[in-house]
Amino acid sequence: MQPATMQVQAHFSGIQQAIARQLESASESVRVFADLFTDCDLFEALLSCQRRGVAVSLVISDCEVNRQSSIAWERLSALGGRIVRLPAACASGDEFDRSFCLVDGTSVISGDFKWTSFQEAGTQVSILIQCDAEISEHFKRSFARMLSEPWQACMPGAVQCEGLRAADLQQGPGLSLYQDPQLDELALQVRMMEARILAVETEIADIHRQIHLFDHQQEQAIGDLMRRYLDLKRRYLQAMFQQGQEELQRQQAQAAEEVFRQYQEARSAKAMESPPEQLDPQQQRELKQLYRKLAMQCHPDRVRDEDKVQAKVFFQQLQLSFQNSDLTSLKQLKVKIDAGLGIKVELVSPNQRQQLALHLKDLQQALSQRNQQLASVSQSSSWKELSGRANWNAWFEQQAKRLKAAMQHYMKELDLLTPELPA
């Protein structure tokens, strides 16, 4: 079962594959808006959808880049798909400054990924995949607005439609339901930005959780062996210094002594912590989904000022339970949060466009900061060490063999440096 919100952050090819997998899962419809669309592989994925009976609708900008691309657009319309070319002045407006894909009317793909094949190599981009009824309805309305009459009049010339019947333009809720469509769109952008921030925060928290779990499992597997290894190493280097009295030997001996001391302190602190729970893959997915839901409900930044103190208490409990992979505690915390206990989530919905725009700007800055934090923790030595190892126990066994071999070496060297005294 797919989580309600999932962030994918990777290089271009990884994002491309993630979108293709979502398109493969479509069973009813796929609706795509992309100002620029030059990615032949993703276009082939849309053709595959149409061939197996999934109704594909594609809206692109009628601009020079799209017209000169190597994509044969008529292939989609020949299969019964729909292509709409919006005049460039419409597609580049504030409402359509991002691409999105709506799969089966229930799953939304959005983010800073462009459906183009000329993105800068090595650039990290991200998409947000959301299975949320309210978000999906927002995007359905956005898509319907692109096909409605006001957009045809935004510049001279009608919207060009390939494989699209006139009756199709009338589908979907009308604009008369909204007094201010731009305000509705700003509210959607705020909601999406909050979801993206939460997704990044969840990824950061999950990385810390896995590092915490790895450290505890490593301590159980080879903790005492590591302590004995570091002890032998410091004793060996100290003996080398006492014999040679060289400055480099003194520095090496001091460094080994400090490493041993820090390791002892870290072990003592870890012994005072509650060990993380051991969860199977299904339980880990449930843990992450529940964490994301509760974080949205009790995040201190999402509640009224008078509720912030209590929200911080709940949020701290949430972080601790998540770090310890304590699914039982999270479920108990959910009951408390759902019951209220003074927590009332205040969804930001200012009445004026300017206030929403300012709030959106603040959220964009917050997202940039969270992405920097995610990049930092993703590059940490601890995460690099464990993220590439699918079988932690096998790695612990390898480390144990390496440590035992090094200990035998140091013991032999110590015997040579400190011969037994004659009886």
Foldseek 3Di string as FASTA:
>chain_A
DDFQKAKDKDWPVVVLVVVLVLLVPFDAEKEKEAQAAQAPVVVVSQLVCLVVPHAYEYEYEPDPRRVPHPDPVVSQLVSLHKYKHFHNVLCVDPLNVWMWMQGPLFKIKTFRDHNHDDDDGPDMTMIMIGRDNVLSLLVQVVSLVCLEDVRLVPDPDGIDMRSDDPVVNPDDDDPVVDPDVVLSSLLSLLVVLVSLLLNLVLLLLVLLLVLLQLVVVLCVLCVVLVLLLLVLQLVLLVLVCVVPVDPVSVVSNVVSVVVSVVSVVVVVVNVPDDAADDDDPVLLVVLSSLLSVVCQQLVLVFFDPVCNVVSVVLVVQSSVCSSSSPSVSSVVSVVVVVVPPPGDGHSDRDPDPVVSVVSSVVSVVSSVVSVVVSVVSCPDPSNVVPVVDPDSVVVSVVVSVVSVVSSVVSVVSVCVSDPDDDD
